[in-house]
Each structure stands twice: as C-alpha cells, then as structure tokens.
Amino acid sequence: MSLAPAVGIVLGVAVATAGLGLRALGAPLLLAAVGAVAIAAILTRGLHLDGLADTGQMASALMPTGRRRWPSCDGPTSVRSAS
C-alpha cells in the first residue's frame, strides 16, 4: 500500500497529459475531456467510474419519484424501500 500514492500520481499525470495533449492538437474541450476520462477508465479498468455511477444513483434515490432517472431506484431493493 505504500506505493498507492505513487500510482495515483502516475495515473493523474497520464490522464492530464492525455487531456492537455488532445487540446494541444486542436481538439475541442469536450473531446479532450472525454478522451482524458476514457484514458482514466482504461488505466483503472473503470474502477472509479463505477463509484461515480453508484453516487449518482444514490442521489437520484433521494429525489421525488417523478424526477428519478434510474428505474432501479423504485424497486424493492431501492434505498428508500430499505428504510
């Protein structure tokens, strides 16, 4: 675990380099951002994107029923039904 910070720095530098490199090549900001996120997803095998999706789903579960975007928030295993 003592290498975890070093691995995080290497990953961060790789993602930043990809995003800035795309911008330097003239890519639009949105394309550079998507490219940087894609590099992060490839290098971490989507580890952090899964956590981000879980966070979004939890936030949606706290919304009124009409505003929810994920059907799984309304089922028997939803966060609201567990309480």
N, C-alpha and C. Protein backbone atom coordinates (compact mmCIF):
# COMPACT_ATOMS: atom_id res chain seq x y z
N MET A 1 0.81 -1.20 0.00
CA MET A 1 0.00 0.00 0.00
C MET A 1 0.85 1.26 0.00
N SER A 2 2.11 1.11 0.28
CA SER A 2 2.95 2.30 0.31
C SER A 2 3.19 2.87 -1.08
N LEU A 3 2.88 2.10 -2.12
CA LEU A 3 3.04 2.58 -3.49
C LEU A 3 1.78 3.25 -4.03
N ALA A 4 0.69 3.20 -3.27
CA ALA A 4 -0.58 3.75 -3.75
C ALA A 4 -0.49 5.23 -4.13
N PRO A 5 0.13 6.08 -3.33
CA PRO A 5 0.23 7.49 -3.75
C PRO A 5 1.03 7.66 -5.04
N ALA A 6 2.08 6.88 -5.19
CA ALA A 6 2.90 6.98 -6.42
C ALA A 6 2.10 6.54 -7.63
N VAL A 7 1.32 5.48 -7.48
CA VAL A 7 0.49 5.01 -8.59
C VAL A 7 -0.56 6.06 -8.93
N GLY A 8 -1.15 6.70 -7.94
CA GLY A 8 -2.12 7.76 -8.18
C GLY A 8 -1.51 8.94 -8.91
N ILE A 9 -0.28 9.28 -8.55
CA ILE A 9 0.39 10.39 -9.24
C ILE A 9 0.66 10.02 -10.69
N VAL A 10 1.12 8.80 -10.93
CA VAL A 10 1.40 8.36 -12.31
C VAL A 10 0.12 8.36 -13.14
N LEU A 11 -0.97 7.86 -12.57
CA LEU A 11 -2.24 7.86 -13.29
C LEU A 11 -2.72 9.28 -13.56
N GLY A 12 -2.61 10.16 -12.57
CA GLY A 12 -3.02 11.53 -12.75
C GLY A 12 -2.22 12.25 -13.83
N VAL A 13 -0.92 11.99 -13.85
CA VAL A 13 -0.07 12.61 -14.87
C VAL A 13 -0.44 12.08 -16.25
N ALA A 14 -0.72 10.77 -16.35
CA ALA A 14 -1.10 10.19 -17.64
C ALA A 14 -2.41 10.78 -18.16
N VAL A 15 -3.38 10.93 -17.27
CA VAL A 15 -4.68 11.47 -17.67
C VAL A 15 -4.55 12.95 -18.04
N ALA A 16 -3.81 13.70 -17.25
CA ALA A 16 -3.62 15.12 -17.55
C ALA A 16 -2.87 15.30 -18.87
N THR A 17 -1.86 14.46 -19.09
CA THR A 17 -1.10 14.54 -20.34
C THR A 17 -1.99 14.24 -21.54
N ALA A 18 -2.86 13.25 -21.39
CA ALA A 18 -3.77 12.91 -22.49
C ALA A 18 -4.71 14.07 -22.79
N GLY A 19 -5.31 14.65 -21.76
CA GLY A 19 -6.23 15.76 -21.96
C GLY A 19 -5.55 16.99 -22.53
N LEU A 20 -4.41 17.34 -21.98
CA LEU A 20 -3.69 18.52 -22.48
C LEU A 20 -3.11 18.26 -23.86
N GLY A 21 -2.71 17.03 -24.11
CA GLY A 21 -2.19 16.69 -25.43
C GLY A 21 -3.26 16.80 -26.51
N LEU A 22 -4.45 16.35 -26.20
CA LEU A 22 -5.55 16.49 -27.15
C LEU A 22 -5.88 17.96 -27.41
N ARG A 23 -5.85 18.76 -26.35
CA ARG A 23 -6.10 20.20 -26.53
C ARG A 23 -5.01 20.84 -27.38
N ALA A 24 -3.76 20.42 -27.17
CA ALA A 24 -2.64 20.98 -27.94
C ALA A 24 -2.75 20.61 -29.42
N LEU A 25 -3.37 19.46 -29.69
CA LEU A 25 -3.56 19.04 -31.07
C LEU A 25 -4.77 19.72 -31.72
N GLY A 26 -5.46 20.56 -30.96
CA GLY A 26 -6.59 21.31 -31.50
C GLY A 26 -7.95 20.68 -31.27
N ALA A 27 -8.01 19.67 -30.43
CA ALA A 27 -9.30 19.04 -30.14
C ALA A 27 -10.17 19.99 -29.31
N PRO A 28 -11.48 19.97 -29.54
CA PRO A 28 -12.38 20.78 -28.70
C PRO A 28 -12.30 20.33 -27.24
N LEU A 29 -12.69 21.22 -26.36
CA LEU A 29 -12.59 20.94 -24.92
C LEU A 29 -13.36 19.68 -24.53
N LEU A 30 -14.56 19.52 -25.05
CA LEU A 30 -15.37 18.35 -24.70
C LEU A 30 -14.69 17.06 -25.16
N LEU A 31 -14.14 17.04 -26.35
CA LEU A 31 -13.45 15.86 -26.85
C LEU A 31 -12.21 15.54 -26.01
N ALA A 32 -11.47 16.57 -25.62
CA ALA A 32 -10.30 16.36 -24.77
C ALA A 32 -10.71 15.80 -23.41
N ALA A 33 -11.80 16.30 -22.86
CA ALA A 33 -12.28 15.81 -21.57
C ALA A 33 -12.73 14.36 -21.66
N VAL A 34 -13.46 14.03 -22.71
CA VAL A 34 -13.91 12.64 -22.90
C VAL A 34 -12.70 11.73 -23.10
N GLY A 35 -11.72 12.20 -23.84
CA GLY A 35 -10.51 11.40 -24.03
C GLY A 35 -9.77 11.17 -22.74
N ALA A 36 -9.67 12.19 -21.90
CA ALA A 36 -9.00 12.04 -20.61
C ALA A 36 -9.75 11.06 -19.71
N VAL A 37 -11.07 11.15 -19.68
CA VAL A 37 -11.87 10.21 -18.87
C VAL A 37 -11.73 8.79 -19.42
N ALA A 38 -11.68 8.67 -20.74
CA ALA A 38 -11.50 7.34 -21.35
C ALA A 38 -10.16 6.74 -20.96
N ILE A 39 -9.11 7.55 -20.96
CA ILE A 39 -7.79 7.05 -20.55
C ILE A 39 -7.83 6.61 -19.09
N ALA A 40 -8.47 7.40 -18.24
CA ALA A 40 -8.60 7.02 -16.83
C ALA A 40 -9.37 5.71 -16.68
N ALA A 41 -10.44 5.55 -17.45
CA ALA A 41 -11.24 4.33 -17.37
C ALA A 41 -10.43 3.12 -17.84
N ILE A 42 -9.64 3.29 -18.87
CA ILE A 42 -8.82 2.19 -19.38
C ILE A 42 -7.74 1.82 -18.38
N LEU A 43 -7.06 2.81 -17.83
CA LEU A 43 -5.96 2.54 -16.92
C LEU A 43 -6.42 1.95 -15.59
N THR A 44 -7.60 2.35 -15.12
CA THR A 44 -8.09 1.84 -13.83
C THR A 44 -9.14 0.75 -14.00
N ARG A 45 -9.38 0.34 -15.24
CA ARG A 45 -10.41 -0.66 -15.55
C ARG A 45 -11.78 -0.22 -15.07
N GLY A 46 -12.04 1.07 -15.11
CA GLY A 46 -13.35 1.60 -14.76
C GLY A 46 -13.65 1.63 -13.28
N LEU A 47 -12.65 1.44 -12.44
CA LEU A 47 -12.88 1.36 -11.00
C LEU A 47 -13.59 2.58 -10.44
N HIS A 48 -13.11 3.76 -10.77
CA HIS A 48 -13.69 4.97 -10.19
C HIS A 48 -14.99 5.37 -10.88
N LEU A 49 -15.18 4.97 -12.12
CA LEU A 49 -16.42 5.28 -12.81
C LEU A 49 -17.58 4.53 -12.19
N ASP A 50 -17.34 3.31 -11.70
CA ASP A 50 -18.39 2.55 -11.03
C ASP A 50 -18.82 3.26 -9.75
N GLY A 51 -17.86 3.76 -9.01
CA GLY A 51 -18.18 4.51 -7.79
C GLY A 51 -18.95 5.79 -8.10
N LEU A 52 -18.59 6.45 -9.19
CA LEU A 52 -19.31 7.66 -9.60
C LEU A 52 -20.75 7.32 -9.97
N ALA A 53 -20.95 6.22 -10.67
CA ALA A 53 -22.31 5.81 -11.04
C ALA A 53 -23.13 5.47 -9.79
N ASP A 54 -22.51 4.80 -8.83
CA ASP A 54 -23.22 4.49 -7.58
C ASP A 54 -23.62 5.75 -6.83
N THR A 55 -22.74 6.75 -6.83
CA THR A 55 -23.04 8.01 -6.17
C THR A 55 -24.22 8.71 -6.85
N GLY A 56 -24.23 8.71 -8.17
CA GLY A 56 -25.34 9.32 -8.90
C GLY A 56 -26.65 8.60 -8.66
N GLN A 57 -26.59 7.29 -8.57
CA GLN A 57 -27.81 6.53 -8.33
C GLN A 57 -28.35 6.81 -6.93
N MET A 58 -27.46 6.93 -5.96
CA MET A 58 -27.90 7.25 -4.60
C MET A 58 -28.54 8.63 -4.54
N ALA A 59 -27.95 9.59 -5.25
CA ALA A 59 -28.52 10.94 -5.27
C ALA A 59 -29.90 10.92 -5.91
N SER A 60 -30.07 10.10 -6.93
CA SER A 60 -31.37 10.00 -7.59
C SER A 60 -32.41 9.35 -6.68
N ALA A 61 -31.98 8.44 -5.86
CA ALA A 61 -32.92 7.75 -4.97
C ALA A 61 -33.52 8.71 -3.95
N LEU A 62 -32.84 9.79 -3.68
CA LEU A 62 -33.34 10.76 -2.71
C LEU A 62 -34.28 11.79 -3.32
N MET A 63 -34.42 11.76 -4.67
CA MET A 63 -35.31 12.69 -5.36
C MET A 63 -36.75 12.21 -5.30
N PRO A 64 -37.69 13.12 -5.52
CA PRO A 64 -39.09 12.69 -5.63
C PRO A 64 -39.24 11.69 -6.78
N THR A 65 -40.19 10.80 -6.68
CA THR A 65 -40.35 9.71 -7.65
C THR A 65 -40.44 10.20 -9.09
N GLY A 66 -41.11 11.27 -9.36
CA GLY A 66 -41.28 11.75 -10.72
C GLY A 66 -40.00 12.24 -11.38
N ARG A 67 -39.00 12.58 -10.60
CA ARG A 67 -37.76 13.12 -11.15
C ARG A 67 -36.66 12.07 -11.29
N ARG A 68 -36.88 10.86 -10.83
CA ARG A 68 -35.85 9.83 -10.88
C ARG A 68 -35.58 9.40 -12.31
N ARG A 69 -34.33 9.11 -12.60
CA ARG A 69 -33.96 8.70 -13.95
C ARG A 69 -33.58 7.23 -14.02
N TRP A 70 -33.36 6.57 -12.89
CA TRP A 70 -32.99 5.16 -12.89
C TRP A 70 -34.16 4.35 -12.35
N PRO A 71 -34.66 3.42 -13.15
CA PRO A 71 -35.77 2.59 -12.68
C PRO A 71 -35.42 1.78 -11.44
N SER A 72 -34.14 1.45 -11.25
CA SER A 72 -33.76 0.62 -10.11
C SER A 72 -34.00 1.33 -8.78
N CYS A 73 -34.21 2.64 -8.81
CA CYS A 73 -34.46 3.37 -7.58
C CYS A 73 -35.87 3.16 -7.07
N ASP A 74 -36.74 2.59 -7.89
CA ASP A 74 -38.13 2.42 -7.49
C ASP A 74 -38.46 0.99 -7.09
N GLY A 75 -37.54 0.08 -7.21
CA GLY A 75 -37.81 -1.33 -6.94
C GLY A 75 -37.73 -1.68 -5.48
N PRO A 76 -37.92 -2.97 -5.18
CA PRO A 76 -37.91 -3.41 -3.78
C PRO A 76 -36.53 -3.32 -3.13
N THR A 77 -35.49 -3.21 -3.93
CA THR A 77 -34.14 -3.11 -3.34
C THR A 77 -33.61 -1.68 -3.37
N SER A 78 -34.48 -0.72 -3.60
CA SER A 78 -34.03 0.67 -3.66
C SER A 78 -33.66 1.16 -2.27
N VAL A 79 -32.96 2.27 -2.22
CA VAL A 79 -32.50 2.83 -0.96
C VAL A 79 -33.68 3.24 -0.11
N ARG A 80 -34.71 3.81 -0.71
CA ARG A 80 -35.87 4.25 0.07
C ARG A 80 -36.64 3.09 0.68
N SER A 81 -36.76 1.98 -0.06
CA SER A 81 -37.57 0.88 0.46
C SER A 81 -36.84 0.14 1.58
N ALA A 82 -35.51 0.33 1.68
CA ALA A 82 -34.77 -0.33 2.74
C ALA A 82 -34.97 0.34 4.08
N SER A 83 -35.44 1.59 4.07
CA SER A 83 -35.60 2.31 5.34
C SER A 83 -36.96 2.11 5.94
